[in-house]
Each structure stands twice: as structure tokens, then as C-alpha cells.
N, C-alpha and C. Protein backbone atom coordinates (compact mmCIF):
# COMPACT_ATOMS: atom_id res chain seq x y z
N MET A 1 82.29 118.86 -1.92
CA MET A 1 80.69 118.60 -1.25
C MET A 1 79.99 120.04 -1.73
N ILE A 2 78.78 119.93 -1.61
CA ILE A 2 77.95 121.37 -1.90
C ILE A 2 77.36 121.28 -0.76
N ARG A 3 77.51 122.68 -0.17
CA ARG A 3 77.21 123.07 1.13
C ARG A 3 76.03 124.04 1.11
N THR A 4 75.55 124.44 -0.26
CA THR A 4 74.63 126.21 -0.11
C THR A 4 73.50 125.21 -0.28
N LYS A 5 72.48 125.72 0.52
CA LYS A 5 71.32 125.47 0.13
C LYS A 5 70.41 125.35 -0.73
N TYR A 6 70.66 126.36 -1.83
CA TYR A 6 70.33 126.21 -3.28
C TYR A 6 71.63 125.71 -3.91
N ILE A 7 71.36 125.04 -4.41
CA ILE A 7 72.65 124.28 -5.58
C ILE A 7 72.85 125.15 -6.65
N ARG A 8 72.22 126.05 -7.12
CA ARG A 8 72.31 127.76 -7.70
C ARG A 8 73.33 128.21 -7.72
N ARG A 9 73.21 128.44 -6.50
CA ARG A 9 74.29 129.09 -5.22
C ARG A 9 75.69 128.87 -5.16
N HIS A 10 75.84 127.41 -5.11
CA HIS A 10 77.14 126.78 -5.64
C HIS A 10 77.60 127.26 -6.88
N PHE A 11 76.80 127.27 -7.82
CA PHE A 11 77.31 127.43 -9.13
C PHE A 11 77.61 128.88 -9.15
N ILE A 12 77.05 129.88 -8.50
CA ILE A 12 77.27 131.35 -8.79
C ILE A 12 78.41 131.12 -8.20
N GLU A 13 78.55 130.60 -6.53
CA GLU A 13 80.06 131.19 -5.97
C GLU A 13 81.04 130.30 -6.53
N GLN A 14 80.76 129.26 -7.23
CA GLN A 14 82.03 128.80 -8.55
C GLN A 14 82.67 130.16 -9.15
N ALA A 15 81.22 130.59 -10.11
CA ALA A 15 81.81 131.79 -10.90
C ALA A 15 82.54 132.68 -10.19
N VAL A 16 82.32 133.21 -9.28
CA VAL A 16 82.68 134.17 -8.14
C VAL A 16 84.26 134.14 -7.54
N GLY A 17 84.59 132.45 -7.33
CA GLY A 17 85.87 132.28 -7.36
C GLY A 17 86.33 132.01 -8.07
N GLN A 18 86.20 131.65 -9.34
CA GLN A 18 86.98 131.78 -10.86
C GLN A 18 87.03 133.11 -11.25
N PHE A 19 86.63 134.35 -11.00
CA PHE A 19 86.85 135.49 -11.59
C PHE A 19 88.22 136.11 -10.59
N ALA A 20 88.76 136.78 -11.33
CA ALA A 20 89.71 137.38 -10.48
C ALA A 20 89.62 138.85 -11.14
N PRO A 21 88.88 139.83 -11.29
CA PRO A 21 88.71 141.27 -11.52
C PRO A 21 90.48 141.90 -11.15
N ILE A 22 90.53 142.87 -12.12
CA ILE A 22 91.66 143.52 -12.09
C ILE A 22 91.70 145.11 -12.48
N GLY A 23 91.34 145.88 -11.56
CA GLY A 23 90.99 147.09 -11.80
C GLY A 23 89.29 147.60 -11.42
N LYS A 24 88.97 148.89 -11.90
CA LYS A 24 87.48 149.13 -11.31
C LYS A 24 86.76 148.29 -11.55
N THR A 25 86.05 147.77 -10.52
CA THR A 25 85.20 146.70 -10.91
C THR A 25 83.75 147.38 -9.59
N LEU A 26 82.48 147.02 -10.90
CA LEU A 26 81.23 147.61 -10.59
C LEU A 26 80.14 146.02 -10.55
N GLU A 27 79.39 145.94 -9.13
CA GLU A 27 78.68 145.45 -9.13
C GLU A 27 76.96 145.74 -8.70
N ILE A 28 76.73 144.98 -10.18
CA ILE A 28 75.22 145.84 -10.22
C ILE A 28 74.20 144.63 -9.54
N GLY A 29 73.34 144.81 -8.34
CA GLY A 29 72.56 144.69 -8.23
C GLY A 29 73.25 143.81 -6.76
N SER A 30 74.15 144.18 -5.98
CA SER A 30 74.86 144.25 -4.83
C SER A 30 74.47 145.08 -4.03
N GLY A 31 75.17 144.65 -2.78
CA GLY A 31 75.08 145.84 -1.87
C GLY A 31 75.66 145.13 -0.74
N LYS A 32 75.79 145.32 0.81
CA LYS A 32 76.39 145.41 2.15
C LYS A 32 76.45 143.79 1.82
N ARG A 33 75.18 142.61 1.90
CA ARG A 33 75.35 141.51 1.54
C ARG A 33 75.74 140.56 0.81
N TRP A 34 75.60 141.11 -0.29
CA TRP A 34 76.28 140.41 -1.43
C TRP A 34 77.64 140.83 -2.17
N LYS A 35 78.19 141.55 -1.55
CA LYS A 35 79.53 141.99 -2.22
C LYS A 35 80.42 140.92 -2.01
N TYR A 36 80.90 141.06 -3.76
CA TYR A 36 81.58 139.35 -3.32
C TYR A 36 83.22 140.41 -3.69
N TYR A 37 83.44 141.41 -4.16
CA TYR A 37 84.78 141.62 -4.19
C TYR A 37 85.06 142.79 -3.36
N ARG A 38 86.31 142.25 -2.69
CA ARG A 38 86.55 143.89 -1.65
C ARG A 38 86.50 145.43 -2.38
N GLU A 39 86.82 145.99 -3.38
CA GLU A 39 87.45 146.86 -3.69
C GLU A 39 85.99 147.44 -4.66
N SER A 40 85.11 146.22 -4.73
CA SER A 40 84.18 146.88 -5.95
C SER A 40 83.39 148.02 -5.48
N ILE A 41 82.19 148.60 -6.48
CA ILE A 41 81.51 149.66 -6.38
C ILE A 41 80.18 149.09 -6.42
N THR A 42 79.27 148.94 -5.27
CA THR A 42 77.94 148.14 -5.69
C THR A 42 76.93 149.29 -5.89
N LEU A 43 76.06 148.50 -6.95
CA LEU A 43 74.80 149.43 -7.24
C LEU A 43 73.34 148.57 -7.23
N ASN A 44 72.16 149.31 -7.10
CA ASN A 44 71.29 148.74 -6.53
C ASN A 44 70.20 149.38 -6.56
N ARG A 45 68.75 149.60 -7.06
CA ARG A 45 67.67 150.22 -7.15
C ARG A 45 67.24 150.09 -5.62
N ASP A 46 67.63 149.15 -4.90
CA ASP A 46 66.94 148.87 -3.72
C ASP A 46 67.97 149.44 -2.39
N ALA A 47 67.37 150.19 -1.71
CA ALA A 47 67.60 151.22 -0.63
C ALA A 47 68.00 149.98 0.45
N ALA A 48 67.37 148.97 0.66
CA ALA A 48 67.62 148.06 1.80
C ALA A 48 68.45 146.83 1.59
N ALA A 49 68.82 147.25 0.31
CA ALA A 49 70.21 146.08 0.17
C ALA A 49 71.73 147.27 0.37
N GLU A 50 71.64 148.00 1.03
CA GLU A 50 72.58 149.49 1.27
C GLU A 50 74.02 149.41 0.36
N PRO A 51 73.40 149.51 -1.14
CA PRO A 51 75.22 149.63 -2.13
C PRO A 51 75.57 150.56 -1.49
N ASP A 52 76.70 150.92 -2.19
CA ASP A 52 77.32 152.52 -2.38
C ASP A 52 76.86 153.29 -3.05
N ILE A 53 75.99 153.13 -4.43
CA ILE A 53 75.68 153.45 -5.04
C ILE A 53 73.68 153.28 -5.29
N ILE A 54 72.79 153.99 -5.21
CA ILE A 54 71.31 154.03 -4.89
C ILE A 54 70.92 154.33 -6.68
N GLY A 55 70.70 153.03 -7.84
CA GLY A 55 70.52 153.42 -9.02
C GLY A 55 69.66 152.65 -9.77
N ASP A 56 69.26 152.84 -10.80
CA ASP A 56 69.21 152.34 -12.11
C ASP A 56 70.04 151.98 -13.03
N ALA A 57 70.49 150.46 -13.22
CA ALA A 57 71.17 149.94 -13.74
C ALA A 57 71.10 150.18 -15.52
N GLU A 58 69.80 150.25 -15.43
CA GLU A 58 69.26 150.66 -17.04
C GLU A 58 69.86 151.81 -17.40
N ASN A 59 70.16 152.63 -16.45
CA ASN A 59 70.16 154.65 -16.72
C ASN A 59 71.41 155.05 -16.23
N MET A 60 72.34 154.24 -15.96
CA MET A 60 73.59 154.48 -14.32
C MET A 60 74.57 155.71 -15.50
N ASN A 61 74.90 156.25 -14.21
CA ASN A 61 75.25 157.92 -13.92
C ASN A 61 77.12 157.70 -13.97
N TYR A 62 77.02 157.06 -15.12
CA TYR A 62 78.83 157.14 -14.99
C TYR A 62 79.26 157.04 -16.89
N ASP A 63 80.50 157.30 -16.57
CA ASP A 63 80.91 157.84 -18.39
C ASP A 63 81.09 156.65 -18.86
N ASP A 64 81.48 156.77 -20.00
CA ASP A 64 81.58 155.62 -20.85
C ASP A 64 82.90 155.39 -20.80
N CYS A 65 83.18 153.80 -20.65
CA CYS A 65 84.31 153.15 -20.64
C CYS A 65 85.18 153.34 -19.35
N THR A 66 84.18 153.31 -17.99
CA THR A 66 84.61 153.63 -16.71
C THR A 66 85.09 152.41 -16.05
N PHE A 67 84.60 151.22 -16.31
CA PHE A 67 84.76 150.32 -15.70
C PHE A 67 85.49 149.15 -16.07
N ASN A 68 87.07 148.58 -15.64
CA ASN A 68 87.24 147.49 -15.97
C ASN A 68 86.75 146.10 -16.52
N ASN A 69 85.75 145.79 -15.19
CA ASN A 69 84.78 145.05 -15.31
C ASN A 69 83.36 145.17 -14.25
N VAL A 70 82.57 144.20 -14.77
CA VAL A 70 81.32 144.70 -14.54
C VAL A 70 81.14 142.99 -14.00
N VAL A 71 80.05 143.00 -12.49
CA VAL A 71 79.74 141.84 -12.20
C VAL A 71 78.16 141.96 -12.33
N CYS A 72 77.10 141.03 -12.48
CA CYS A 72 75.74 141.36 -12.84
C CYS A 72 75.50 139.83 -12.33
N LEU A 73 75.30 139.59 -10.80
CA LEU A 73 74.64 137.95 -10.52
C LEU A 73 73.32 137.80 -10.62
N GLU A 74 72.75 136.78 -10.82
CA GLU A 74 71.35 136.98 -11.17
C GLU A 74 70.41 138.33 -10.79
N VAL A 75 70.38 139.40 -11.75
CA VAL A 75 70.04 140.64 -11.90
C VAL A 75 69.01 140.57 -13.21
N ILE A 76 69.41 140.08 -14.47
CA ILE A 76 68.90 140.66 -15.46
C ILE A 76 67.57 139.81 -15.51
N GLU A 77 67.37 138.90 -14.74
CA GLU A 77 65.81 138.64 -15.29
C GLU A 77 64.61 139.51 -14.24
N HIS A 78 65.10 140.28 -13.44
CA HIS A 78 64.49 141.40 -12.64
C HIS A 78 64.16 142.65 -13.13
N THR A 79 65.15 142.98 -14.79
CA THR A 79 64.72 144.19 -15.70
C THR A 79 63.60 144.16 -16.23
N THR A 80 62.85 145.05 -16.95
CA THR A 80 62.14 145.03 -17.96
C THR A 80 62.60 145.32 -18.83
N SER A 81 63.75 145.97 -19.07
CA SER A 81 64.35 145.73 -20.37
C SER A 81 66.19 145.10 -20.13
N PRO A 82 65.90 143.90 -20.28
CA PRO A 82 67.46 143.11 -20.46
C PRO A 82 68.59 143.89 -21.60
N ASN A 83 67.75 144.47 -22.59
CA ASN A 83 68.93 144.88 -23.93
C ASN A 83 68.93 145.78 -23.69
N LYS A 84 68.68 146.83 -22.54
CA LYS A 84 68.96 148.49 -22.01
C LYS A 84 69.94 148.21 -21.45
N LEU A 85 69.69 147.23 -20.01
CA LEU A 85 70.78 146.91 -19.30
C LEU A 85 72.13 146.40 -19.75
N ILE A 86 71.70 145.25 -20.43
CA ILE A 86 73.12 145.05 -21.41
C ILE A 86 73.81 146.01 -21.94
N ALA A 87 72.97 146.59 -22.50
CA ALA A 87 73.64 148.15 -23.55
C ALA A 87 74.59 148.66 -22.69
N GLU A 88 73.96 148.78 -21.52
CA GLU A 88 74.39 149.50 -20.52
C GLU A 88 76.12 149.50 -19.88
N ILE A 89 75.91 148.27 -19.56
CA ILE A 89 76.64 147.15 -19.08
C ILE A 89 78.00 147.35 -20.62
N HIS A 90 77.69 147.30 -21.76
CA HIS A 90 78.33 147.71 -22.26
C HIS A 90 79.32 148.87 -22.38
N ARG A 91 78.24 149.67 -22.46
CA ARG A 91 78.85 151.26 -22.76
C ARG A 91 79.64 152.05 -21.66
N VAL A 92 79.23 151.09 -20.46
CA VAL A 92 80.61 151.25 -18.92
C VAL A 92 81.37 150.60 -18.94
N LEU A 93 81.34 149.71 -19.92
CA LEU A 93 82.65 148.88 -19.51
C LEU A 93 84.19 149.50 -20.75
N LYS A 94 85.48 149.29 -20.28
CA LYS A 94 86.44 149.87 -20.80
C LYS A 94 86.47 148.59 -22.10
N PRO A 95 87.29 149.44 -23.20
CA PRO A 95 87.81 147.99 -24.16
C PRO A 95 88.38 146.91 -23.27
N GLY A 96 88.11 145.54 -23.99
CA GLY A 96 88.79 144.61 -22.87
C GLY A 96 88.20 144.60 -21.75
N GLY A 97 87.45 145.44 -21.23
CA GLY A 97 86.84 145.15 -20.00
C GLY A 97 85.59 143.65 -20.03
N THR A 98 85.75 142.79 -19.09
CA THR A 98 85.17 141.77 -18.79
C THR A 98 83.80 141.98 -18.05
N LEU A 99 82.72 141.02 -17.93
CA LEU A 99 81.21 141.11 -17.79
C LEU A 99 81.20 139.53 -16.95
N LEU A 100 80.97 139.54 -15.60
CA LEU A 100 80.69 137.86 -15.49
C LEU A 100 79.44 138.05 -15.41
N LEU A 101 77.94 137.09 -15.52
CA LEU A 101 76.91 137.42 -15.69
C LEU A 101 76.48 135.59 -15.34
N THR A 102 75.45 136.14 -14.48
CA THR A 102 74.89 134.74 -13.69
C THR A 102 73.40 134.57 -14.35
N VAL A 103 72.61 133.70 -14.60
CA VAL A 103 70.62 133.58 -15.11
C VAL A 103 70.27 132.74 -14.88
N PRO A 104 69.24 132.52 -14.13
CA PRO A 104 68.73 131.53 -13.85
C PRO A 104 68.04 130.67 -14.96
N PHE A 105 67.89 129.82 -15.61
CA PHE A 105 66.85 129.20 -16.79
C PHE A 105 65.57 128.62 -16.12
N VAL A 106 65.92 127.18 -15.39
CA VAL A 106 65.02 126.36 -14.71
C VAL A 106 65.15 126.71 -13.14
N PHE A 107 64.02 127.56 -12.90
CA PHE A 107 64.55 127.95 -11.44
C PHE A 107 62.80 128.60 -10.87
N GLU A 108 62.53 128.23 -9.66
CA GLU A 108 61.07 129.12 -9.25
C GLU A 108 61.13 130.55 -9.57
N ILE A 109 60.18 130.70 -9.52
CA ILE A 109 59.99 132.34 -9.13
C ILE A 109 60.35 133.12 -8.15
N HIS A 110 60.90 133.99 -8.41
CA HIS A 110 61.94 134.00 -6.75
C HIS A 110 62.03 135.80 -6.21
N ASP A 111 60.90 136.32 -7.27
CA ASP A 111 60.63 137.68 -6.27
C ASP A 111 59.48 138.17 -7.51
N THR A 112 58.85 139.37 -7.04
CA THR A 112 57.66 140.01 -7.24
C THR A 112 58.01 140.73 -9.10
N ARG A 113 59.35 141.09 -9.15
CA ARG A 113 60.17 141.46 -10.55
C ARG A 113 61.01 140.19 -10.99
N ASP A 114 59.96 139.37 -11.39
CA ASP A 114 61.19 138.27 -11.53
C ASP A 114 60.21 137.88 -13.03
N TYR A 115 61.05 138.49 -13.95
CA TYR A 115 60.58 138.67 -15.85
C TYR A 115 60.62 137.70 -16.54
N PHE A 116 62.10 137.24 -16.88
CA PHE A 116 62.14 136.37 -17.61
C PHE A 116 63.35 135.48 -17.66
N ARG A 117 63.52 134.30 -18.26
CA ARG A 117 64.76 133.86 -18.37
C ARG A 117 64.95 133.66 -19.69
N PHE A 118 66.19 132.93 -19.93
CA PHE A 118 67.24 132.96 -20.79
C PHE A 118 67.75 131.88 -21.32
N THR A 119 67.82 131.46 -22.52
CA THR A 119 68.57 130.16 -23.05
C THR A 119 69.85 130.56 -23.74
N ARG A 120 70.99 129.85 -23.95
CA ARG A 120 71.95 129.88 -24.81
C ARG A 120 71.95 130.99 -25.82
N GLU A 121 71.06 130.87 -26.55
CA GLU A 121 71.09 131.54 -27.62
C GLU A 121 70.44 132.69 -27.33
N GLY A 122 69.25 132.90 -26.26
CA GLY A 122 68.97 134.69 -26.06
C GLY A 122 70.45 134.79 -25.38
N LEU A 123 71.04 134.25 -24.57
CA LEU A 123 72.31 135.06 -24.35
C LEU A 123 72.99 135.74 -25.09
N ASN A 124 73.35 134.58 -26.25
CA ASN A 124 74.46 135.22 -27.12
C ASN A 124 73.67 136.10 -28.02
N TYR A 125 72.15 136.59 -28.30
CA TYR A 125 72.08 137.39 -28.92
C TYR A 125 71.75 138.47 -28.31
N LEU A 126 71.51 138.59 -26.73
CA LEU A 126 71.69 140.01 -25.59
C LEU A 126 73.20 140.00 -25.57
N LEU A 127 74.30 139.14 -25.90
CA LEU A 127 75.27 140.37 -25.71
C LEU A 127 76.26 140.05 -26.98
N ARG A 128 75.67 139.99 -28.21
CA ARG A 128 76.42 140.55 -29.75
C ARG A 128 77.32 141.50 -29.74
N GLU A 129 77.68 142.59 -29.04
CA GLU A 129 78.34 143.49 -29.19
C GLU A 129 79.42 143.10 -28.70
N PHE A 130 79.50 142.38 -27.79
CA PHE A 130 80.74 141.80 -26.92
C PHE A 130 81.80 141.21 -27.93
N ASN A 131 82.83 141.25 -27.84
CA ASN A 131 84.19 140.72 -28.61
C ASN A 131 84.57 139.09 -28.52
N SER A 132 83.91 138.75 -27.40
CA SER A 132 84.58 137.51 -26.95
C SER A 132 82.87 137.04 -26.04
N VAL A 133 82.18 135.89 -25.49
CA VAL A 133 81.15 135.44 -25.08
C VAL A 133 81.41 133.85 -25.51
N GLN A 134 81.19 133.83 -23.55
CA GLN A 134 81.50 132.18 -23.01
C GLN A 134 80.17 132.09 -22.21
N ILE A 135 80.01 130.60 -22.44
CA ILE A 135 78.65 130.50 -21.79
C ILE A 135 78.68 129.35 -21.07
N ARG A 136 78.54 129.07 -20.05
CA ARG A 136 78.23 127.71 -19.53
C ARG A 136 77.08 127.52 -18.77
N HIS A 137 77.28 125.93 -19.01
CA HIS A 137 75.53 125.64 -18.41
C HIS A 137 75.75 125.15 -16.94
N ASP A 138 75.07 125.52 -15.67
CA ASP A 138 75.22 125.22 -14.53
C ASP A 138 74.00 123.91 -13.97
N GLY A 139 74.42 123.19 -14.19
CA GLY A 139 73.81 121.54 -13.78
C GLY A 139 73.53 121.35 -14.91
N GLY A 140 72.89 120.02 -14.82
CA GLY A 140 71.79 119.43 -15.78
C GLY A 140 70.65 118.97 -15.08
N LYS A 141 69.69 118.27 -15.65
CA LYS A 141 68.74 117.70 -15.30
C LYS A 141 68.32 117.28 -13.70
N TYR A 142 69.48 116.34 -13.49
CA TYR A 142 69.53 116.02 -12.51
C TYR A 142 69.55 117.08 -11.58
N CYS A 143 70.58 117.78 -11.57
CA CYS A 143 70.30 119.13 -9.85
C CYS A 143 68.81 120.14 -10.82
N VAL A 144 68.72 119.71 -11.70
CA VAL A 144 66.90 120.41 -11.96
C VAL A 144 65.98 119.72 -10.97
N ILE A 145 65.79 118.47 -11.38
CA ILE A 145 65.17 117.61 -10.42
C ILE A 145 65.41 117.78 -9.16
N PHE A 146 66.69 117.44 -8.30
CA PHE A 146 66.70 117.76 -7.04
C PHE A 146 66.56 119.06 -6.67
N HIS A 147 67.07 119.64 -7.01
CA HIS A 147 66.30 121.21 -6.72
C HIS A 147 65.38 121.49 -6.69
N PHE A 148 64.18 120.99 -7.83
CA PHE A 148 63.02 121.46 -7.19
C PHE A 148 62.33 120.29 -6.20
N LEU A 149 62.74 118.85 -6.24
CA LEU A 149 62.38 118.29 -4.92
C LEU A 149 62.90 118.88 -3.49
N ARG A 150 63.95 119.61 -3.49
CA ARG A 150 64.30 120.28 -2.32
C ARG A 150 63.21 121.43 -1.62
N LEU A 151 62.29 121.87 -2.93
CA LEU A 151 61.43 122.83 -2.34
C LEU A 151 60.35 122.34 -1.12
N GLY A 152 60.36 121.07 -1.02
CA GLY A 152 58.85 120.61 -0.45
C GLY A 152 59.71 120.64 1.03
N ALA A 153 58.91 120.50 2.24
CA ALA A 153 59.04 120.63 3.53
C ALA A 153 59.91 119.40 3.67
N LEU A 154 60.18 118.21 3.22
CA LEU A 154 61.31 117.25 3.48
C LEU A 154 62.64 117.42 2.90
N GLY A 155 62.31 118.05 1.65
CA GLY A 155 63.43 118.81 1.22
C GLY A 155 64.36 119.56 1.57
N GLY A 156 63.63 120.59 2.29
CA GLY A 156 64.47 121.44 3.37
C GLY A 156 64.99 120.89 4.28
N LEU A 157 64.96 119.97 4.51
CA LEU A 157 65.60 119.14 5.94
C LEU A 157 66.20 118.61 5.36
N ILE A 158 66.52 117.88 3.91
CA ILE A 158 67.88 116.94 3.37
C ILE A 158 68.49 117.54 1.79
N PHE A 159 68.36 119.32 2.00
CA PHE A 159 68.54 119.43 1.06
C PHE A 159 70.32 119.24 0.32
N PRO A 160 71.17 119.22 1.73
CA PRO A 160 72.35 118.58 1.09
C PRO A 160 72.77 117.52 0.51
N VAL A 161 71.82 116.34 1.06
CA VAL A 161 71.77 115.20 -0.12
C VAL A 161 71.14 115.28 -1.38
N LEU A 162 70.04 116.03 -1.13
CA LEU A 162 69.67 115.81 -2.37
C LEU A 162 70.47 117.07 -3.83
N ASN A 163 70.68 117.81 -3.56
CA ASN A 163 71.83 118.93 -3.72
C ASN A 163 73.43 117.83 -4.37
N ASN A 164 73.74 117.05 -3.61
CA ASN A 164 74.79 116.37 -3.96
C ASN A 164 74.67 115.25 -4.76
N LEU A 165 73.32 114.66 -4.63
CA LEU A 165 73.16 113.47 -5.48
C LEU A 165 72.61 113.68 -7.03
N GLY A 166 72.10 115.30 -6.96
CA GLY A 166 71.80 115.65 -8.39
C GLY A 166 73.32 116.22 -8.95
N TYR A 167 73.80 116.88 -8.40
CA TYR A 167 75.47 117.13 -8.47
C TYR A 167 76.21 115.98 -9.81
N LEU A 168 76.32 115.14 -8.39
CA LEU A 168 76.94 113.50 -8.89
C LEU A 168 76.85 112.95 -10.18
N LEU A 169 75.09 112.90 -10.04
CA LEU A 169 74.47 112.14 -11.06
C LEU A 169 74.72 112.94 -12.28
N ASP A 170 74.71 114.56 -12.37
CA ASP A 170 74.92 115.10 -13.53
C ASP A 170 76.28 115.09 -14.21
N ASN A 171 76.65 114.64 -13.28
CA ASN A 171 78.88 114.43 -13.35
C ASN A 171 79.12 113.31 -13.68
N ILE A 172 78.04 112.06 -13.58
CA ILE A 172 78.45 110.76 -14.07
C ILE A 172 77.55 110.88 -15.27
N PHE A 173 76.50 111.32 -15.61
CA PHE A 173 75.48 111.15 -16.64
C PHE A 173 75.71 112.69 -17.80
N LYS A 174 77.08 113.02 -18.00
CA LYS A 174 77.53 114.06 -18.47
C LYS A 174 76.82 114.03 -19.74
N ASP A 175 76.18 115.46 -20.14
CA ASP A 175 75.54 115.88 -20.89
C ASP A 175 76.08 117.34 -21.40
N GLU A 176 76.75 117.41 -22.65
CA GLU A 176 77.98 118.76 -22.87
C GLU A 176 77.11 119.93 -23.07
N GLU A 177 75.77 119.81 -23.74
CA GLU A 177 74.88 120.53 -24.12
C GLU A 177 73.09 120.37 -23.59
N PRO A 178 73.00 120.17 -22.47
CA PRO A 178 71.74 119.59 -21.45
C PRO A 178 70.92 120.63 -22.42
N ARG A 179 69.68 120.34 -22.35
CA ARG A 179 68.43 121.10 -23.03
C ARG A 179 68.07 121.66 -21.37
N ILE A 180 68.27 121.27 -20.57
CA ILE A 180 67.32 121.44 -19.20
C ILE A 180 68.54 121.75 -18.35
N THR A 181 69.02 123.04 -17.60
CA THR A 181 69.92 123.47 -16.43
C THR A 181 69.45 124.49 -15.79
N LEU A 182 70.28 124.78 -14.90
CA LEU A 182 69.87 125.63 -13.82
C LEU A 182 69.87 126.61 -13.93
N GLY A 183 70.62 127.33 -14.66
CA GLY A 183 71.07 128.52 -14.82
C GLY A 183 71.88 128.52 -15.84
N TYR A 184 72.80 129.70 -16.29
CA TYR A 184 73.87 129.79 -16.92
C TYR A 184 74.72 130.99 -16.34
N THR A 185 76.40 130.86 -16.72
CA THR A 185 77.20 131.40 -16.14
C THR A 185 77.67 132.19 -17.45
N VAL A 186 78.23 133.61 -17.47
CA VAL A 186 78.91 134.17 -19.27
C VAL A 186 80.01 134.74 -18.55
N PHE A 187 80.70 134.74 -19.08
CA PHE A 187 81.95 135.38 -19.05
C PHE A 187 82.08 135.82 -20.78
N ALA A 188 82.16 137.33 -20.82
CA ALA A 188 82.31 137.94 -21.71
C ALA A 188 83.23 139.61 -21.71
N LYS A 189 83.48 139.71 -23.14
CA LYS A 189 84.78 140.54 -23.00
C LYS A 189 84.45 141.85 -23.98
N LYS A 190 84.62 142.38 -23.31
CA LYS A 190 84.07 144.08 -24.89
C LYS A 190 85.36 143.82 -25.89
């Protein structure tokens, strides 16, 4: 049963649970509240997030090949230079290092600095320097429909029903490559 208020968060938590970082890990866009891995270093440009390091992920002050893992959850849509951010992530990852990246696709504007949405093809292009890229869609049309129904006043009260109904219908009427999805989860190796 999906218990999260935002079904998108369910898919993010699922990806976090599947990712088992070994070695030095950087979480971009994280801080005290959204830190997922106990031994990781958090980096955020927003001091209010209480990150370990306040800084710009597009210009990181780390040497090349510093991290075994980089986690970047729901961040890339908030940068004006997604290519630069991905290049920096690639630079600070050690050879064989792993990136866990999540991005929204069909999702409401959720910040004043919410600039982009990415397709599977766009993500493949951005991550073309990586040796291995696996992209998984997060939900299909029913998750999207019920996510947006949840945004109304009534939906705020019955979101558990809406989230679970959308998830159930997407699983019954499976579409291996949906043209509409809440977002994507990416596992990439340098």
C-alpha cells in the first residue's frame, strides 16, 4: 500500500531503498531533512536545507574522481544548466562509480526555480558520457491522472485512495513504455 502523500515520493523512496551505496557518497540537493544515506555528504545551494556543504553543484569544489556514488533526487529540473550539472557529477565520480538520479516528468510546477522536464531520450542524451544507463519510468497514465486529482481540496483528504487506485490500474493495464509518466529513475555507471 502506498502511504506517501505524493505518489512521486513513493517511487523516489523505492529507488532509494534499491540503491545500496558502497564507499564515499555525495547527495546533491539534500540536507538534514532529506538525507537518505547515513554516511553521505550532503551538498545544497540552500543553507536552510542544512547541508554539510553549502555550494553550487554545477561548480563543485571536489577533485576529479572523488566519489563512489552520487545521489541527485528531484534536483536537475531546478538548475539552469542541466548539462553542466551532469558533467560535474560525471567529473567527481570515480571510474565505475554510480549515479542515482530521479526527475519528474508530468508533475506540477513546484518551486520558483523549476525550469525543465526530461524525457527518456533527453536523459539518455544528458547521460551519454556514462558507460551504462538504466532508465525506469515511475508510474503511467493512471498514476498521473490520480496524482492531479489529488491536488484539489477533496483530493487532499482522500489521497491514499487516489494514489493506490492509480498505482493499481497502472499495474493491471501495464504499458512497458508509457508516453505519460510521473517521472523517471535513473541508475548510471561511469
